[in-house]
Amino acid sequence: MRESGEDYLETIYLLSRKQSDVHCSDVAAKLGFSKPSVTRAVGILRAAGFIGIDSEKHIMLTQAGFKKAEEIAERHKTITQFWVLNGVDAGIAEKDACRMEHDISEETFAAIKKIVEKSALNT
């Protein structure tokens, strides 16, 4: 999956945790994209089996979509925490984590996660 698809999945996941119904317009507003762009991306995610859309146009994550979105969100949160722990401003850490979460290797992510978890135990 490409970076943009992961961003859409993560956004749908985060929105669905805060509100009962997620629509293309919600995703567009959150990401600052046009509704036609979001509609196109949603179609791609649907064809890939990551989301479903009901008769009222509510976007729902499939089991595979939920799992993938949860992984992406965990990477984002953990990488953000890592940089904040190392003195980076939270806003900058958030933006950098958003870019890094897509390209970082499993090995490097596991090492970062271990450091963040160890730090959490020491506080």
N, C-alpha and C. Protein backbone atom coordinates (compact mmCIF):
# COMPACT_ATOMS: atom_id res chain seq x y z
N MET A 1 0.84 -1.18 0.00
CA MET A 1 0.00 0.00 0.00
C MET A 1 0.89 1.24 0.00
N ARG A 2 0.48 2.22 -0.74
CA ARG A 2 1.25 3.46 -0.84
C ARG A 2 0.96 4.38 0.34
N GLU A 3 1.83 5.36 0.51
CA GLU A 3 1.74 6.28 1.64
C GLU A 3 0.38 6.96 1.73
N SER A 4 -0.14 7.43 0.60
CA SER A 4 -1.42 8.15 0.64
C SER A 4 -2.55 7.23 1.10
N GLY A 5 -2.54 5.98 0.65
CA GLY A 5 -3.55 5.03 1.08
C GLY A 5 -3.48 4.78 2.58
N GLU A 6 -2.26 4.70 3.10
CA GLU A 6 -2.09 4.51 4.53
C GLU A 6 -2.60 5.72 5.30
N ASP A 7 -2.37 6.92 4.77
CA ASP A 7 -2.87 8.13 5.42
C ASP A 7 -4.40 8.14 5.47
N TYR A 8 -5.02 7.74 4.38
CA TYR A 8 -6.49 7.67 4.36
C TYR A 8 -6.99 6.65 5.37
N LEU A 9 -6.39 5.47 5.40
CA LEU A 9 -6.81 4.44 6.35
C LEU A 9 -6.67 4.91 7.79
N GLU A 10 -5.54 5.51 8.08
CA GLU A 10 -5.30 6.01 9.44
C GLU A 10 -6.34 7.06 9.81
N THR A 11 -6.64 7.95 8.88
CA THR A 11 -7.63 9.00 9.14
C THR A 11 -9.01 8.41 9.37
N ILE A 12 -9.41 7.46 8.56
CA ILE A 12 -10.71 6.81 8.74
C ILE A 12 -10.76 6.13 10.10
N TYR A 13 -9.68 5.46 10.46
CA TYR A 13 -9.58 4.77 11.76
C TYR A 13 -9.73 5.78 12.90
N LEU A 14 -8.98 6.87 12.86
CA LEU A 14 -9.03 7.86 13.93
C LEU A 14 -10.40 8.53 14.01
N LEU A 15 -10.98 8.85 12.87
CA LEU A 15 -12.33 9.44 12.87
C LEU A 15 -13.36 8.47 13.44
N SER A 16 -13.25 7.19 13.08
CA SER A 16 -14.23 6.20 13.55
C SER A 16 -14.14 5.97 15.05
N ARG A 17 -13.01 6.30 15.63
CA ARG A 17 -12.87 6.19 17.09
C ARG A 17 -13.53 7.35 17.82
N LYS A 18 -13.77 8.46 17.08
CA LYS A 18 -14.35 9.66 17.69
C LYS A 18 -15.82 9.87 17.35
N GLN A 19 -16.26 9.28 16.23
CA GLN A 19 -17.64 9.50 15.80
C GLN A 19 -18.20 8.20 15.24
N SER A 20 -19.51 8.05 15.30
CA SER A 20 -20.12 6.80 14.90
C SER A 20 -20.16 6.61 13.39
N ASP A 21 -20.32 7.69 12.64
CA ASP A 21 -20.41 7.60 11.18
C ASP A 21 -19.30 8.41 10.54
N VAL A 22 -18.59 7.80 9.58
CA VAL A 22 -17.53 8.49 8.85
C VAL A 22 -17.94 8.57 7.39
N HIS A 23 -17.87 9.78 6.84
CA HIS A 23 -18.20 10.02 5.43
C HIS A 23 -16.98 10.59 4.72
N CYS A 24 -17.02 10.58 3.39
CA CYS A 24 -15.94 11.16 2.59
C CYS A 24 -15.69 12.62 2.98
N SER A 25 -16.76 13.35 3.26
CA SER A 25 -16.60 14.76 3.62
C SER A 25 -15.82 14.92 4.92
N ASP A 26 -15.98 13.98 5.87
CA ASP A 26 -15.22 14.02 7.12
C ASP A 26 -13.73 13.82 6.86
N VAL A 27 -13.44 12.85 6.02
CA VAL A 27 -12.05 12.55 5.68
C VAL A 27 -11.43 13.72 4.94
N ALA A 28 -12.18 14.30 4.00
CA ALA A 28 -11.70 15.45 3.24
C ALA A 28 -11.38 16.62 4.17
N ALA A 29 -12.27 16.88 5.12
CA ALA A 29 -12.06 17.98 6.05
C ALA A 29 -10.84 17.74 6.93
N LYS A 30 -10.68 16.52 7.39
CA LYS A 30 -9.55 16.19 8.28
C LYS A 30 -8.21 16.30 7.55
N LEU A 31 -8.17 15.83 6.33
CA LEU A 31 -6.91 15.82 5.57
C LEU A 31 -6.69 17.10 4.76
N GLY A 32 -7.72 17.89 4.59
CA GLY A 32 -7.60 19.10 3.79
C GLY A 32 -7.56 18.83 2.30
N PHE A 33 -8.20 17.73 1.87
CA PHE A 33 -8.25 17.36 0.46
C PHE A 33 -9.65 17.63 -0.07
N SER A 34 -9.78 17.65 -1.39
CA SER A 34 -11.10 17.82 -1.99
C SER A 34 -11.91 16.54 -1.85
N LYS A 35 -13.22 16.70 -1.82
CA LYS A 35 -14.09 15.51 -1.71
C LYS A 35 -13.91 14.57 -2.89
N PRO A 36 -13.77 15.06 -4.14
CA PRO A 36 -13.53 14.13 -5.25
C PRO A 36 -12.23 13.31 -5.09
N SER A 37 -11.19 13.92 -4.54
CA SER A 37 -9.94 13.19 -4.30
C SER A 37 -10.16 12.08 -3.28
N VAL A 38 -10.89 12.40 -2.24
CA VAL A 38 -11.16 11.41 -1.19
C VAL A 38 -12.05 10.30 -1.74
N THR A 39 -13.05 10.65 -2.53
CA THR A 39 -13.94 9.66 -3.11
C THR A 39 -13.16 8.67 -3.97
N ARG A 40 -12.21 9.18 -4.74
CA ARG A 40 -11.36 8.32 -5.57
C ARG A 40 -10.53 7.38 -4.69
N ALA A 41 -9.90 7.92 -3.65
CA ALA A 41 -9.07 7.11 -2.76
C ALA A 41 -9.91 6.06 -2.03
N VAL A 42 -11.10 6.44 -1.62
CA VAL A 42 -12.00 5.51 -0.93
C VAL A 42 -12.37 4.36 -1.87
N GLY A 43 -12.58 4.66 -3.13
CA GLY A 43 -12.86 3.61 -4.11
C GLY A 43 -11.71 2.63 -4.24
N ILE A 44 -10.50 3.13 -4.22
CA ILE A 44 -9.32 2.26 -4.29
C ILE A 44 -9.20 1.40 -3.04
N LEU A 45 -9.41 2.00 -1.87
CA LEU A 45 -9.35 1.24 -0.62
C LEU A 45 -10.46 0.19 -0.54
N ARG A 46 -11.61 0.53 -1.07
CA ARG A 46 -12.73 -0.42 -1.11
C ARG A 46 -12.40 -1.60 -2.01
N ALA A 47 -11.86 -1.31 -3.20
CA ALA A 47 -11.50 -2.38 -4.14
C ALA A 47 -10.41 -3.28 -3.56
N ALA A 48 -9.56 -2.73 -2.71
CA ALA A 48 -8.47 -3.50 -2.09
C ALA A 48 -8.96 -4.28 -0.87
N GLY A 49 -10.21 -4.06 -0.47
CA GLY A 49 -10.78 -4.82 0.64
C GLY A 49 -10.50 -4.24 2.02
N PHE A 50 -10.07 -2.97 2.08
CA PHE A 50 -9.77 -2.35 3.36
C PHE A 50 -10.96 -1.64 3.99
N ILE A 51 -11.92 -1.24 3.16
CA ILE A 51 -13.10 -0.55 3.69
C ILE A 51 -14.35 -1.04 2.98
N GLY A 52 -15.47 -0.76 3.61
CA GLY A 52 -16.77 -1.00 3.00
C GLY A 52 -17.58 0.29 3.11
N ILE A 53 -18.59 0.39 2.30
CA ILE A 53 -19.47 1.56 2.35
C ILE A 53 -20.90 1.05 2.36
N ASP A 54 -21.69 1.52 3.33
CA ASP A 54 -23.06 1.05 3.42
C ASP A 54 -23.99 1.90 2.56
N SER A 55 -25.27 1.61 2.61
CA SER A 55 -26.26 2.28 1.76
C SER A 55 -26.39 3.77 2.07
N GLU A 56 -25.97 4.18 3.26
CA GLU A 56 -26.02 5.59 3.64
C GLU A 56 -24.67 6.28 3.45
N LYS A 57 -23.78 5.60 2.74
CA LYS A 57 -22.44 6.11 2.41
C LYS A 57 -21.53 6.29 3.62
N HIS A 58 -21.78 5.51 4.67
CA HIS A 58 -20.89 5.48 5.81
C HIS A 58 -19.69 4.60 5.46
N ILE A 59 -18.49 5.08 5.76
CA ILE A 59 -17.28 4.32 5.51
C ILE A 59 -16.97 3.48 6.74
N MET A 60 -16.73 2.20 6.53
CA MET A 60 -16.40 1.30 7.62
C MET A 60 -15.15 0.51 7.27
N LEU A 61 -14.27 0.35 8.22
CA LEU A 61 -13.08 -0.46 8.01
C LEU A 61 -13.46 -1.93 8.04
N THR A 62 -12.91 -2.70 7.11
CA THR A 62 -13.06 -4.15 7.17
C THR A 62 -12.08 -4.66 8.23
N GLN A 63 -12.12 -5.93 8.49
CA GLN A 63 -11.18 -6.51 9.46
C GLN A 63 -9.73 -6.25 9.02
N ALA A 64 -9.46 -6.46 7.75
CA ALA A 64 -8.11 -6.22 7.22
C ALA A 64 -7.76 -4.73 7.30
N GLY A 65 -8.72 -3.87 7.01
CA GLY A 65 -8.49 -2.43 7.07
C GLY A 65 -8.25 -1.95 8.48
N PHE A 66 -9.02 -2.50 9.41
CA PHE A 66 -8.85 -2.14 10.82
C PHE A 66 -7.46 -2.53 11.31
N LYS A 67 -7.04 -3.74 10.96
CA LYS A 67 -5.72 -4.23 11.39
C LYS A 67 -4.61 -3.35 10.82
N LYS A 68 -4.69 -3.04 9.54
CA LYS A 68 -3.67 -2.22 8.89
C LYS A 68 -3.68 -0.81 9.48
N ALA A 69 -4.85 -0.23 9.66
CA ALA A 69 -4.97 1.12 10.21
C ALA A 69 -4.44 1.20 11.63
N GLU A 70 -4.71 0.18 12.41
CA GLU A 70 -4.20 0.13 13.78
C GLU A 70 -2.67 0.09 13.80
N GLU A 71 -2.09 -0.68 12.89
CA GLU A 71 -0.63 -0.75 12.78
C GLU A 71 -0.05 0.61 12.41
N ILE A 72 -0.66 1.27 11.46
CA ILE A 72 -0.19 2.59 11.02
C ILE A 72 -0.29 3.59 12.17
N ALA A 73 -1.42 3.59 12.86
CA ALA A 73 -1.63 4.53 13.97
C ALA A 73 -0.62 4.27 15.09
N GLU A 74 -0.33 3.00 15.36
CA GLU A 74 0.65 2.67 16.39
C GLU A 74 2.04 3.19 16.00
N ARG A 75 2.41 3.00 14.74
CA ARG A 75 3.70 3.50 14.26
C ARG A 75 3.77 5.01 14.44
N HIS A 76 2.71 5.69 14.03
CA HIS A 76 2.66 7.15 14.11
C HIS A 76 2.84 7.60 15.56
N LYS A 77 2.07 7.04 16.45
CA LYS A 77 2.11 7.42 17.86
C LYS A 77 3.47 7.12 18.48
N THR A 78 4.00 5.95 18.20
CA THR A 78 5.28 5.54 18.79
C THR A 78 6.44 6.39 18.29
N ILE A 79 6.47 6.64 16.98
CA ILE A 79 7.55 7.45 16.42
C ILE A 79 7.45 8.88 16.94
N THR A 80 6.24 9.41 17.07
CA THR A 80 6.06 10.75 17.64
C THR A 80 6.61 10.79 19.06
N GLN A 81 6.24 9.79 19.86
CA GLN A 81 6.71 9.74 21.25
C GLN A 81 8.23 9.65 21.31
N PHE A 82 8.81 8.86 20.43
CA PHE A 82 10.27 8.72 20.39
C PHE A 82 10.94 10.07 20.21
N TRP A 83 10.47 10.84 19.23
CA TRP A 83 11.10 12.13 18.96
C TRP A 83 10.86 13.11 20.10
N VAL A 84 9.68 13.10 20.68
CA VAL A 84 9.40 13.99 21.81
C VAL A 84 10.30 13.64 22.98
N LEU A 85 10.48 12.36 23.24
CA LEU A 85 11.38 11.92 24.31
C LEU A 85 12.81 12.39 24.08
N ASN A 86 13.15 12.61 22.82
CA ASN A 86 14.51 13.03 22.48
C ASN A 86 14.61 14.53 22.23
N GLY A 87 13.62 15.29 22.74
CA GLY A 87 13.70 16.73 22.76
C GLY A 87 13.14 17.47 21.57
N VAL A 88 12.48 16.77 20.66
CA VAL A 88 11.89 17.43 19.49
C VAL A 88 10.52 18.00 19.88
N ASP A 89 10.23 19.21 19.43
CA ASP A 89 8.94 19.82 19.65
C ASP A 89 7.82 18.87 19.20
N ALA A 90 6.75 18.79 19.97
CA ALA A 90 5.66 17.85 19.68
C ALA A 90 5.06 18.04 18.29
N GLY A 91 4.89 19.27 17.87
CA GLY A 91 4.33 19.55 16.54
C GLY A 91 5.23 19.06 15.43
N ILE A 92 6.52 19.31 15.58
CA ILE A 92 7.49 18.84 14.59
C ILE A 92 7.58 17.32 14.61
N ALA A 93 7.61 16.75 15.81
CA ALA A 93 7.67 15.29 15.95
C ALA A 93 6.48 14.63 15.26
N GLU A 94 5.31 15.22 15.42
CA GLU A 94 4.07 14.70 14.80
C GLU A 94 4.18 14.70 13.28
N LYS A 95 4.63 15.81 12.73
CA LYS A 95 4.76 15.92 11.27
C LYS A 95 5.82 14.96 10.73
N ASP A 96 6.94 14.88 11.42
CA ASP A 96 8.00 13.97 10.97
C ASP A 96 7.55 12.51 11.08
N ALA A 97 6.85 12.17 12.15
CA ALA A 97 6.36 10.80 12.32
C ALA A 97 5.41 10.42 11.20
N CYS A 98 4.60 11.37 10.76
CA CYS A 98 3.64 11.12 9.68
C CYS A 98 4.36 10.70 8.40
N ARG A 99 5.51 11.28 8.16
CA ARG A 99 6.28 10.91 6.97
C ARG A 99 7.07 9.62 7.19
N MET A 100 7.63 9.47 8.37
CA MET A 100 8.49 8.32 8.66
C MET A 100 7.73 7.01 8.78
N GLU A 101 6.52 7.05 9.28
CA GLU A 101 5.75 5.84 9.57
C GLU A 101 5.58 4.94 8.36
N HIS A 102 5.69 5.50 7.18
CA HIS A 102 5.45 4.74 5.95
C HIS A 102 6.70 4.03 5.43
N ASP A 103 7.86 4.55 5.77
CA ASP A 103 9.09 4.06 5.16
C ASP A 103 10.03 3.31 6.10
N ILE A 104 9.79 3.40 7.38
CA ILE A 104 10.69 2.80 8.34
C ILE A 104 10.61 1.27 8.31
N SER A 105 11.74 0.62 8.46
CA SER A 105 11.77 -0.84 8.45
C SER A 105 11.15 -1.39 9.74
N GLU A 106 10.74 -2.64 9.69
CA GLU A 106 10.19 -3.31 10.88
C GLU A 106 11.23 -3.36 11.98
N GLU A 107 12.47 -3.63 11.60
CA GLU A 107 13.56 -3.73 12.59
C GLU A 107 13.78 -2.41 13.32
N THR A 108 13.84 -1.32 12.56
CA THR A 108 14.04 -0.01 13.17
C THR A 108 12.84 0.38 14.02
N PHE A 109 11.64 0.11 13.52
CA PHE A 109 10.45 0.44 14.30
C PHE A 109 10.44 -0.35 15.61
N ALA A 110 10.80 -1.61 15.57
CA ALA A 110 10.82 -2.43 16.79
C ALA A 110 11.81 -1.84 17.81
N ALA A 111 12.95 -1.36 17.33
CA ALA A 111 13.94 -0.76 18.23
C ALA A 111 13.40 0.53 18.85
N ILE A 112 12.76 1.36 18.03
CA ILE A 112 12.17 2.60 18.54
C ILE A 112 11.08 2.29 19.56
N LYS A 113 10.24 1.32 19.25
CA LYS A 113 9.16 0.94 20.15
C LYS A 113 9.71 0.46 21.50
N LYS A 114 10.78 -0.30 21.45
CA LYS A 114 11.41 -0.81 22.67
C LYS A 114 11.92 0.35 23.53
N ILE A 115 12.53 1.35 22.90
CA ILE A 115 13.03 2.51 23.63
C ILE A 115 11.88 3.29 24.26
N VAL A 116 10.81 3.50 23.49
CA VAL A 116 9.65 4.24 24.01
C VAL A 116 9.01 3.48 25.17
N GLU A 117 8.85 2.18 25.03
CA GLU A 117 8.25 1.39 26.10
C GLU A 117 9.12 1.40 27.37
N LYS A 118 10.44 1.30 27.18
CA LYS A 118 11.36 1.33 28.30
C LYS A 118 11.29 2.68 29.00
N SER A 119 11.20 3.74 28.22
CA SER A 119 11.10 5.08 28.79
C SER A 119 9.81 5.24 29.59
N ALA A 120 8.71 4.67 29.08
CA ALA A 120 7.43 4.76 29.75
C ALA A 120 7.47 4.04 31.11
N LEU A 121 8.22 2.95 31.17
CA LEU A 121 8.35 2.20 32.43
C LEU A 121 9.17 2.98 33.46
N ASN A 122 10.04 3.84 32.99
CA ASN A 122 10.92 4.59 33.89
C ASN A 122 10.33 5.91 34.35
N THR A 123 9.13 6.23 33.90
CA THR A 123 8.53 7.50 34.32
C THR A 123 7.48 7.31 35.37
